[in-house]
Amino acid sequence: MTYVTGFLSPVPEGNKQAYIDSAEFAWALFAEYGATAHWECWEEDVPDGEVTSFPMAVKREAGEKVVLSWLIWPDKAAADACFASMETDERWRDMDMPFDGKRMMWGGFDPVFVKTA
């Protein structure tokens, strides 16, 4: 069954192109390991919250944008194999991360409702 890995990251506005370049580099590896889709979404309308919000979740600082990303996998096993490869496949070490990875969050999700037009 399809599996989704989601990410939320704070990225300095000035690093937008570097971030896109990094995502393009990563996509080649994700696809090789079985990912079927990769979305990177740059903050457009992301309000601050009073109790919780995307900016609060990543501790967004002045001059940063929130990026919402996800990968689609054929199944959890493919995702797990890909992420395990980050310890052994040296190509991952060549990937630039133009943001504070300590404030990035991620997780795996089992889709329960999917519709497309």
C-alpha atoms as a PDB file:
ATOM      1  CA  MET A   1       0.000   0.000   0.000  1.00  0.00           C
ATOM      2  CA  THR A   2       1.157   3.559  -0.724  1.00  0.00           C
ATOM      3  CA  TYR A   3       3.167   5.276   2.004  1.00  0.00           C
ATOM      4  CA  VAL A   4       3.931   8.979   2.517  1.00  0.00           C
ATOM      5  CA  THR A   5       6.908  10.602   4.196  1.00  0.00           C
ATOM      6  CA  GLY A   6       6.217  14.213   5.184  1.00  0.00           C
ATOM      7  CA  PHE A   7       8.640  16.992   6.108  1.00  0.00           C
ATOM      8  CA  LEU A   8       8.374  20.486   7.536  1.00  0.00           C
ATOM      9  CA  SER A   9      11.458  22.732   7.364  1.00  0.00           C
ATOM     10  CA  PRO A  10      12.454  26.360   8.041  1.00  0.00           C
ATOM     11  CA  VAL A  11      14.505  27.682   5.116  1.00  0.00           C
ATOM     12  CA  PRO A  12      16.150  31.123   4.875  1.00  0.00           C
ATOM     13  CA  GLU A  13      14.477  33.130   2.105  1.00  0.00           C
ATOM     14  CA  GLY A  14      17.854  33.750   0.480  1.00  0.00           C
ATOM     15  CA  ASN A  15      18.443  29.987   0.220  1.00  0.00           C
ATOM     16  CA  LYS A  16      15.365  29.267  -1.901  1.00  0.00           C
ATOM     17  CA  GLN A  17      17.273  28.327  -5.057  1.00  0.00           C
ATOM     18  CA  ALA A  18      19.862  26.351  -3.082  1.00  0.00           C
ATOM     19  CA  TYR A  19      16.981  24.485  -1.439  1.00  0.00           C
ATOM     20  CA  ILE A  20      15.384  23.722  -4.818  1.00  0.00           C
ATOM     21  CA  ASP A  21      18.746  22.542  -6.165  1.00  0.00           C
ATOM     22  CA  SER A  22      19.160  20.289  -3.122  1.00  0.00           C
ATOM     23  CA  ALA A  23      15.655  18.862  -3.612  1.00  0.00           C
ATOM     24  CA  GLU A  24      16.408  18.133  -7.267  1.00  0.00           C
ATOM     25  CA  PHE A  25      19.600  16.320  -6.246  1.00  0.00           C
ATOM     26  CA  ALA A  26      17.719  14.330  -3.611  1.00  0.00           C
ATOM     27  CA  TRP A  27      14.888  13.453  -6.004  1.00  0.00           C
ATOM     28  CA  ALA A  28      17.260  11.496  -8.235  1.00  0.00           C
ATOM     29  CA  LEU A  29      18.216   9.324  -5.258  1.00  0.00           C
ATOM     30  CA  PHE A  30      14.684   9.078  -3.850  1.00  0.00           C
ATOM     31  CA  ALA A  31      13.424   7.951  -7.268  1.00  0.00           C
ATOM     32  CA  GLU A  32      16.214   5.400  -7.570  1.00  0.00           C
ATOM     33  CA  TYR A  33      15.153   3.963  -4.221  1.00  0.00           C
ATOM     34  CA  GLY A  34      11.524   3.728  -5.311  1.00  0.00           C
ATOM     35  CA  ALA A  35       9.790   7.044  -4.589  1.00  0.00           C
ATOM     36  CA  THR A  36       7.048   7.757  -7.110  1.00  0.00           C
ATOM     37  CA  ALA A  37       6.475  11.463  -6.378  1.00  0.00           C
ATOM     38  CA  HIS A  38       8.220  14.314  -4.568  1.00  0.00           C
ATOM     39  CA  TRP A  39       6.567  17.643  -3.674  1.00  0.00           C
ATOM     40  CA  GLU A  40       8.333  20.700  -2.275  1.00  0.00           C
ATOM     41  CA  CYS A  41       6.026  23.581  -1.310  1.00  0.00           C
ATOM     42  CA  TRP A  42       7.392  27.040  -0.438  1.00  0.00           C
ATOM     43  CA  GLU A  43       5.491  29.146   2.082  1.00  0.00           C
ATOM     44  CA  GLU A  44       2.983  31.494   0.456  1.00  0.00           C
ATOM     45  CA  ASP A  45       0.271  32.107   3.061  1.00  0.00           C
ATOM     46  CA  VAL A  46       1.300  30.624   6.406  1.00  0.00           C
ATOM     47  CA  PRO A  47      -0.031  32.648   9.341  1.00  0.00           C
ATOM     48  CA  ASP A  48       1.435  32.778  12.808  1.00  0.00           C
ATOM     49  CA  GLY A  49      -0.671  31.026  15.408  1.00  0.00           C
ATOM     50  CA  GLU A  50      -1.565  31.646  19.019  1.00  0.00           C
ATOM     51  CA  VAL A  51      -1.560  28.032  20.187  1.00  0.00           C
ATOM     52  CA  THR A  52       0.077  26.163  17.314  1.00  0.00           C
ATOM     53  CA  SER A  53       1.072  26.794  13.708  1.00  0.00           C
ATOM     54  CA  PHE A  54       3.547  25.798  11.031  1.00  0.00           C
ATOM     55  CA  PRO A  55       5.855  28.703  11.971  1.00  0.00           C
ATOM     56  CA  MET A  56       5.735  27.713  15.632  1.00  0.00           C
ATOM     57  CA  ALA A  57       6.366  24.062  14.799  1.00  0.00           C
ATOM     58  CA  VAL A  58       9.692  24.854  13.097  1.00  0.00           C
ATOM     59  CA  LYS A  59      10.512  27.844  15.329  1.00  0.00           C
ATOM     60  CA  ARG A  60      10.595  30.033  12.230  1.00  0.00           C
ATOM     61  CA  GLU A  61      12.994  32.947  12.573  1.00  0.00           C
ATOM     62  CA  ALA A  62      12.946  36.318  10.807  1.00  0.00           C
ATOM     63  CA  GLY A  63      13.837  35.905   7.144  1.00  0.00           C
ATOM     64  CA  GLU A  64      12.812  32.257   6.963  1.00  0.00           C
ATOM     65  CA  LYS A  65      10.031  30.514   5.076  1.00  0.00           C
ATOM     66  CA  VAL A  66       8.284  27.281   5.999  1.00  0.00           C
ATOM     67  CA  VAL A  67       8.623  24.495   3.452  1.00  0.00           C
ATOM     68  CA  LEU A  68       6.143  21.614   3.400  1.00  0.00           C
ATOM     69  CA  SER A  69       7.384  18.541   1.537  1.00  0.00           C
ATOM     70  CA  TRP A  70       6.335  14.971   0.970  1.00  0.00           C
ATOM     71  CA  LEU A  71       7.452  11.844  -0.811  1.00  0.00           C
ATOM     72  CA  ILE A  72       5.139   9.146  -2.122  1.00  0.00           C
ATOM     73  CA  TRP A  73       6.366   5.557  -1.918  1.00  0.00           C
ATOM     74  CA  PRO A  74       4.890   2.301  -3.180  1.00  0.00           C
ATOM     75  CA  ASP A  75       5.043   1.021   0.421  1.00  0.00           C
ATOM     76  CA  LYS A  76       6.709   1.554   3.798  1.00  0.00           C
ATOM     77  CA  ALA A  77       9.417  -0.995   3.011  1.00  0.00           C
ATOM     78  CA  ALA A  78      10.654   1.109   0.083  1.00  0.00           C
ATOM     79  CA  ALA A  79      10.771   4.241   2.251  1.00  0.00           C
ATOM     80  CA  ASP A  80      12.568   2.403   5.042  1.00  0.00           C
ATOM     81  CA  ALA A  81      15.129   1.000   2.597  1.00  0.00           C
ATOM     82  CA  CYS A  82      15.777   4.454   1.170  1.00  0.00           C
ATOM     83  CA  PHE A  83      16.290   6.092   4.542  1.00  0.00           C
ATOM     84  CA  ALA A  84      18.520   3.219   5.681  1.00  0.00           C
ATOM     85  CA  SER A  85      20.648   3.848   2.566  1.00  0.00           C
ATOM     86  CA  MET A  86      21.559   7.253   3.954  1.00  0.00           C
ATOM     87  CA  GLU A  87      23.984   5.437   6.246  1.00  0.00           C
ATOM     88  CA  THR A  88      25.636   3.431   3.460  1.00  0.00           C
ATOM     89  CA  ASP A  89      25.175   5.232   0.120  1.00  0.00           C
ATOM     90  CA  GLU A  90      27.876   7.901  -0.012  1.00  0.00           C
ATOM     91  CA  ARG A  91      25.938   9.943  -2.593  1.00  0.00           C
ATOM     92  CA  TRP A  92      23.695  11.225   0.208  1.00  0.00           C
ATOM     93  CA  ARG A  93      26.742  12.946   1.723  1.00  0.00           C
ATOM     94  CA  ASP A  94      26.950  15.165  -1.369  1.00  0.00           C
ATOM     95  CA  MET A  95      23.526  16.658  -0.677  1.00  0.00           C
ATOM     96  CA  ASP A  96      23.537  20.261   0.537  1.00  0.00           C
ATOM     97  CA  MET A  97      21.074  21.107   3.317  1.00  0.00           C
ATOM     98  CA  PRO A  98      20.685  24.918   3.134  1.00  0.00           C
ATOM     99  CA  PHE A  99      18.645  25.193   6.338  1.00  0.00           C
ATOM    100  CA  ASP A 100      18.786  24.318  10.037  1.00  0.00           C
ATOM    101  CA  GLY A 101      18.152  20.572  10.022  1.00  0.00           C
ATOM    102  CA  LYS A 102      17.713  20.564  13.804  1.00  0.00           C
ATOM    103  CA  ARG A 103      14.375  22.351  13.328  1.00  0.00           C
ATOM    104  CA  MET A 104      13.196  20.107  10.503  1.00  0.00           C
ATOM    105  CA  MET A 105      10.581  17.501  11.335  1.00  0.00           C
ATOM    106  CA  TRP A 106       9.465  14.447   9.450  1.00  0.00           C
ATOM    107  CA  GLY A 107       7.351  11.365   9.771  1.00  0.00           C
ATOM    108  CA  GLY A 108       5.797   8.481   7.888  1.00  0.00           C
ATOM    109  CA  PHE A 109       2.098   8.267   7.151  1.00  0.00           C
ATOM    110  CA  ASP A 110      -0.358   5.642   5.984  1.00  0.00           C
ATOM    111  CA  PRO A 111      -2.858   7.302   3.623  1.00  0.00           C
ATOM    112  CA  VAL A 112      -6.459   6.791   4.697  1.00  0.00           C
ATOM    113  CA  PHE A 113      -8.212   8.982   2.101  1.00  0.00           C
ATOM    114  CA  VAL A 114      -6.848   9.903  -1.342  1.00  0.00           C
ATOM    115  CA  LYS A 115      -8.757  11.488  -4.246  1.00  0.00           C
ATOM    116  CA  THR A 116      -7.365  13.108  -7.369  1.00  0.00           C
ATOM    117  CA  ALA A 117      -9.132  14.836 -10.222  1.00  0.00           C
END
